[in-house]
Amino acid sequence: MPNPSPHAVDRRSALRAGAGAAIVGAFTAGCSEDKAGEQPADSPKPQPSASAAVAAPARPEAPRPAPAPRAFPGQPVQISSGPRARPQVALTFHGQGDPKIATTLLGEAEKAGARITVLAVGSWLDEQPAMARRILDGGHELGNHTQRHIDIGALDETEAYAEITGCADRLRRLTGSIGTWFRPSRAQYATPLVQRLARKAGYPHVLSYDVDSLDFTSPGASAVTRNVTGQIRNGSVVSLHFGYADTVAALPALLAELERRRLRAVTTTELLT
């Protein structure tokens, strides 16, 4: 299939970039119910047919277990980026915060054909268990970002291991897997102790990043976009966050710029495969 012309890409990029401001207001709006199809309370209700009365309800299929962690031969224990020869990048998100913002962000990524990696906090999954399946059902990747999102590097061995396994247990209960990746909380890089404990918990690698969006500082959507596009290149792993309106507002322009540069946003596993 031929590549789109620069004019076509620019037109799509402009449309996508202009959507950011509208998204910020949209994700907080409530949904009104459509009552047009409701029947009056005193109207007769249709009677089920004899065949419907005896038909056994179909049993819903159980969801497939999520992918498990895997080892990538030739890669270090701590991974900060992928191959530089392919035009692919991984957008990785710390999974925590308002589920409305998270759902809006996932929808924007999916509209652009982007797949992301979400490193979820265990306590967030306790509060928002449906988000685990929502992430996976969108074609994205789900991993472990500790149970309470405290400074894991400052903990002793027992406490640090509990932070890793606590979130892993939540992921296993909700998805059938401990998640594909582990990322330490409150740190770009894991200490040697945390690396060892992550391997003990079942994660062959620890996921770091080489591009920091700094979106958690709430610098404004334009600054988030500049922070990423000024550093990103083939193989980059980008750190972003759920729960920040600036991130949602920045995403359309960021994805448009990736498209303009012919960079595909894929999961971290895809990036390294």
Protein backbone atom coordinates (compact mmCIF):
# COMPACT_ATOMS: atom_id res chain seq x y z
CA MET A 1 0.00 0.00 0.00
CA PRO A 2 1.60 3.38 -0.97
CA ASN A 3 2.59 5.80 1.76
CA PRO A 4 0.24 8.78 2.17
CA SER A 5 1.36 12.02 0.55
CA PRO A 6 2.88 14.67 2.84
CA HIS A 7 -0.20 16.84 2.22
CA ALA A 8 -2.50 14.05 3.46
CA VAL A 9 -0.37 13.43 6.55
CA ASP A 10 -0.18 17.15 7.34
CA ARG A 11 -3.96 17.49 7.00
CA ARG A 12 -4.56 14.55 9.38
CA SER A 13 -1.90 15.86 11.75
CA ALA A 14 -3.52 19.29 11.86
CA LEU A 15 -6.93 17.79 12.56
CA ARG A 16 -5.56 15.58 15.31
CA ALA A 17 -3.49 18.35 16.88
CA GLY A 18 -6.51 20.65 17.01
CA ALA A 19 -8.46 18.07 18.99
CA GLY A 20 -6.40 18.37 22.19
CA ALA A 21 -8.18 21.35 23.73
CA ALA A 22 -11.59 19.84 23.11
CA ILE A 23 -10.60 16.58 24.82
CA VAL A 24 -9.77 18.22 28.15
CA GLY A 25 -13.31 19.47 28.60
CA ALA A 26 -14.91 16.37 27.15
CA PHE A 27 -13.58 13.72 29.54
CA THR A 28 -15.29 15.32 32.58
CA ALA A 29 -18.71 15.66 30.97
CA GLY A 30 -21.39 13.33 32.29
CA CYS A 31 -23.35 11.00 30.08
CA SER A 32 -27.09 11.51 29.73
CA GLU A 33 -29.35 8.54 29.25
CA ASP A 34 -31.31 8.17 26.05
CA LYS A 35 -34.91 7.49 27.05
CA ALA A 36 -36.42 7.72 23.57
CA GLY A 37 -36.83 3.95 23.32
CA GLU A 38 -38.52 3.47 26.72
CA GLN A 39 -42.13 2.24 26.84
CA PRO A 40 -44.77 3.85 29.10
CA ALA A 41 -45.08 2.13 32.46
CA ASP A 42 -48.65 0.95 31.72
CA SER A 43 -47.96 -0.45 28.26
CA PRO A 44 -48.24 -4.23 27.91
CA LYS A 45 -44.99 -6.11 27.99
CA PRO A 46 -44.28 -8.64 25.23
CA GLN A 47 -44.50 -12.26 26.36
CA PRO A 48 -41.53 -14.53 25.71
CA SER A 49 -42.06 -17.32 23.22
CA ALA A 50 -42.08 -20.93 24.33
CA SER A 51 -38.77 -21.56 22.63
CA ALA A 52 -37.18 -18.58 24.38
CA ALA A 53 -38.49 -19.79 27.73
CA VAL A 54 -36.70 -23.12 27.48
CA ALA A 55 -33.52 -22.00 25.71
CA ALA A 56 -30.44 -22.21 27.91
CA PRO A 57 -28.50 -18.94 28.16
CA ALA A 58 -25.18 -18.91 26.36
CA ARG A 59 -22.23 -19.10 28.71
CA PRO A 60 -19.87 -16.17 28.13
CA GLU A 61 -16.35 -17.06 27.14
CA ALA A 62 -13.73 -16.52 29.81
CA PRO A 63 -11.19 -13.86 28.80
CA ARG A 64 -7.80 -15.14 27.78
CA PRO A 65 -5.01 -14.69 30.32
CA ALA A 66 -2.85 -11.67 29.64
CA PRO A 67 0.68 -12.23 28.29
CA ALA A 68 3.36 -13.15 30.80
CA PRO A 69 6.80 -11.56 31.14
CA ARG A 70 9.41 -12.81 28.70
CA ALA A 71 13.17 -12.64 28.47
CA PHE A 72 14.82 -10.84 25.57
CA PRO A 73 18.22 -12.43 24.89
CA GLY A 74 20.93 -9.87 24.34
CA GLN A 75 19.05 -7.18 26.29
CA PRO A 76 20.29 -5.95 29.70
CA VAL A 77 18.32 -6.58 32.87
CA GLN A 78 17.36 -2.89 32.90
CA ILE A 79 15.98 -1.74 29.55
CA SER A 80 15.81 1.96 28.65
CA SER A 81 15.26 1.81 24.88
CA GLY A 82 14.77 -0.52 21.95
CA PRO A 83 16.52 -1.01 18.62
CA ARG A 84 17.49 2.26 16.94
CA ALA A 85 17.27 0.85 13.40
CA ARG A 86 13.46 0.60 13.27
CA PRO A 87 11.02 3.57 13.20
CA GLN A 88 9.15 2.48 16.31
CA VAL A 89 8.73 3.95 19.80
CA ALA A 90 7.05 2.85 23.03
CA LEU A 91 4.79 5.25 24.91
CA THR A 92 4.68 3.96 28.49
CA PHE A 93 2.24 5.28 31.07
CA HIS A 94 2.27 5.15 34.85
CA GLY A 95 -1.20 3.73 35.60
CA GLN A 96 -2.82 5.75 38.34
CA GLY A 97 -5.34 8.60 38.67
CA ASP A 98 -8.80 9.53 37.45
CA PRO A 99 -10.24 6.64 35.40
CA LYS A 100 -12.13 9.12 33.19
CA ILE A 101 -8.84 10.66 32.09
CA ALA A 102 -7.31 7.22 31.59
CA THR A 103 -10.25 6.04 29.48
CA THR A 104 -10.15 9.19 27.35
CA LEU A 105 -6.43 8.80 26.82
CA LEU A 106 -6.81 5.15 25.78
CA GLY A 107 -9.52 6.13 23.31
CA GLU A 108 -7.33 8.81 21.73
CA ALA A 109 -4.44 6.37 21.34
CA GLU A 110 -6.74 3.79 19.76
CA LYS A 111 -8.20 6.30 17.29
CA ALA A 112 -4.65 6.97 16.08
CA GLY A 113 -3.81 3.27 15.84
CA ALA A 114 -1.26 3.57 18.68
CA ARG A 115 -0.63 0.79 21.20
CA ILE A 116 0.78 1.75 24.58
CA THR A 117 2.27 0.11 27.66
CA VAL A 118 0.61 0.82 31.01
CA LEU A 119 2.50 0.17 34.25
CA ALA A 120 -0.32 0.03 36.79
CA VAL A 121 -0.12 0.79 40.51
CA GLY A 122 -1.65 -2.02 42.56
CA SER A 123 -3.67 0.24 44.85
CA TRP A 124 -5.17 1.88 41.74
CA LEU A 125 -6.22 -1.54 40.45
CA ASP A 126 -7.87 -2.20 43.83
CA GLU A 127 -9.97 0.93 43.31
CA GLN A 128 -10.47 0.56 39.54
CA PRO A 129 -10.32 -3.19 38.76
CA ALA A 130 -12.17 -2.81 35.43
CA MET A 131 -9.32 -0.71 34.05
CA ALA A 132 -7.06 -3.76 33.78
CA ARG A 133 -9.30 -5.47 31.24
CA ARG A 134 -10.08 -2.14 29.51
CA ILE A 135 -6.37 -1.64 28.85
CA LEU A 136 -5.86 -5.15 27.51
CA ASP A 137 -9.03 -5.15 25.41
CA GLY A 138 -7.75 -2.03 23.63
CA GLY A 139 -4.70 -3.95 22.39
CA HIS A 140 -2.36 -2.38 24.91
CA GLU A 141 0.14 -3.88 27.33
CA LEU A 142 -0.18 -4.03 31.11
CA GLY A 143 2.60 -4.21 33.68
CA ASN A 144 3.54 -3.67 37.32
CA HIS A 145 4.43 -0.30 38.89
CA THR A 146 4.49 -1.50 42.53
CA GLN A 147 1.63 -1.73 44.98
CA ARG A 148 1.64 1.72 46.61
CA HIS A 149 3.89 3.85 44.35
CA ILE A 150 6.29 4.79 47.13
CA ASP A 151 10.07 5.16 46.84
CA ILE A 152 10.97 1.50 46.39
CA GLY A 153 14.68 2.29 46.36
CA ALA A 154 14.48 3.48 49.98
CA LEU A 155 12.84 0.28 51.27
CA ASP A 156 14.52 -2.73 52.80
CA GLU A 157 14.48 -6.07 51.00
CA THR A 158 11.29 -7.41 52.60
CA GLU A 159 9.30 -4.24 52.04
CA ALA A 160 10.53 -3.78 48.47
CA TYR A 161 9.68 -7.35 47.55
CA ALA A 162 6.18 -6.90 49.02
CA GLU A 163 5.69 -3.83 46.81
CA ILE A 164 6.53 -5.85 43.70
CA THR A 165 4.57 -8.99 44.57
CA GLY A 166 1.59 -7.06 45.93
CA CYS A 167 0.94 -5.49 42.54
CA ALA A 168 1.79 -8.76 40.77
CA ASP A 169 -0.88 -10.54 42.81
CA ARG A 170 -3.50 -7.96 41.79
CA LEU A 171 -2.57 -8.29 38.14
CA ARG A 172 -2.70 -12.09 38.30
CA ARG A 173 -6.12 -12.05 39.95
CA LEU A 174 -7.55 -9.60 37.41
CA THR A 175 -5.87 -10.81 34.19
CA GLY A 176 -4.32 -14.24 34.81
CA SER A 177 -0.78 -12.84 34.49
CA ILE A 178 1.63 -10.81 36.62
CA GLY A 179 1.98 -8.39 33.70
CA THR A 180 4.60 -8.17 31.00
CA TRP A 181 6.88 -5.58 32.63
CA PHE A 182 7.96 -4.20 35.98
CA ARG A 183 8.95 -0.56 36.49
CA PRO A 184 10.18 0.75 39.86
CA SER A 185 8.22 3.52 41.52
CA ARG A 186 9.65 6.99 42.17
CA ALA A 187 12.79 6.22 40.19
CA GLN A 188 13.94 6.11 36.58
CA TYR A 189 16.35 3.28 37.32
CA ALA A 190 16.08 0.31 39.66
CA THR A 191 18.77 -0.32 42.23
CA PRO A 192 20.67 -3.64 42.03
CA LEU A 193 18.53 -4.90 44.93
CA VAL A 194 15.26 -4.01 43.19
CA GLN A 195 16.50 -5.60 39.96
CA ARG A 196 17.22 -8.83 41.83
CA LEU A 197 13.86 -8.80 43.59
CA ALA A 198 12.04 -8.17 40.32
CA ARG A 199 13.72 -11.23 38.77
CA LYS A 200 12.77 -13.25 41.86
CA ALA A 201 9.14 -12.15 41.39
CA GLY A 202 9.15 -13.36 37.77
CA TYR A 203 10.23 -10.32 35.73
CA PRO A 204 13.37 -11.01 33.64
CA HIS A 205 13.80 -7.29 32.91
CA VAL A 206 13.14 -3.95 34.59
CA LEU A 207 11.67 -1.28 32.30
CA SER A 208 13.20 2.19 32.42
CA TYR A 209 12.99 4.92 29.74
CA ASP A 210 15.16 7.33 27.79
CA VAL A 211 12.61 10.15 27.26
CA ASP A 212 10.86 11.85 30.19
CA SER A 213 7.80 13.92 29.26
CA LEU A 214 7.76 15.60 32.72
CA ASP A 215 3.97 15.63 32.39
CA PHE A 216 3.64 14.99 36.15
CA THR A 217 4.86 18.57 36.72
CA SER A 218 1.75 19.86 34.86
CA PRO A 219 3.74 22.17 32.55
CA GLY A 220 0.93 22.56 30.00
CA ALA A 221 0.05 20.44 26.98
CA SER A 222 2.42 22.26 24.61
CA ALA A 223 5.36 21.75 26.96
CA VAL A 224 4.58 18.03 27.28
CA THR A 225 4.57 17.72 23.48
CA ARG A 226 7.85 19.65 23.17
CA ASN A 227 9.52 17.62 25.91
CA VAL A 228 8.78 14.40 24.06
CA THR A 229 9.26 15.45 20.44
CA GLY A 230 12.53 17.20 21.27
CA GLN A 231 14.12 13.95 22.44
CA ILE A 232 12.28 11.05 20.81
CA ARG A 233 13.94 8.93 18.13
CA ASN A 234 13.87 5.39 16.80
CA GLY A 235 13.64 2.93 19.68
CA SER A 236 12.78 5.47 22.38
CA VAL A 237 10.81 4.48 25.48
CA VAL A 238 8.82 7.49 26.71
CA SER A 239 7.63 8.03 30.29
CA LEU A 240 4.11 9.51 30.57
CA HIS A 241 1.34 9.40 33.17
CA PHE A 242 -2.37 8.72 33.44
CA GLY A 243 -4.21 11.18 35.64
CA TYR A 244 -2.94 14.48 34.19
CA ALA A 245 -5.13 16.65 31.96
CA ASP A 246 -2.04 18.07 30.23
CA THR A 247 -1.12 14.59 29.02
CA VAL A 248 -4.55 13.97 27.51
CA ALA A 249 -4.54 17.37 25.83
CA ALA A 250 -1.03 16.83 24.47
CA LEU A 251 -1.65 13.37 23.06
CA PRO A 252 -3.30 14.28 19.71
CA ALA A 253 -0.49 16.67 18.77
CA LEU A 254 2.13 14.19 19.97
CA LEU A 255 0.66 11.34 17.92
CA ALA A 256 0.34 13.64 14.91
CA GLU A 257 4.03 14.51 15.14
CA LEU A 258 4.97 10.84 15.42
CA GLU A 259 2.95 10.16 12.29
CA ARG A 260 4.64 13.04 10.48
CA ARG A 261 8.03 11.54 11.36
CA ARG A 262 6.82 8.05 10.34
CA LEU A 263 7.34 6.74 13.90
CA ARG A 264 4.94 3.98 14.99
CA ALA A 265 3.79 3.85 18.61
CA VAL A 266 3.87 0.17 19.66
CA THR A 267 3.92 -1.76 22.92
CA THR A 268 7.28 -2.26 24.59
CA THR A 269 7.19 -5.97 23.79
CA GLU A 270 6.62 -5.15 20.12
CA LEU A 271 9.44 -2.62 20.23
CA LEU A 272 11.89 -5.26 21.42
CA THR A 273 10.65 -8.18 19.30
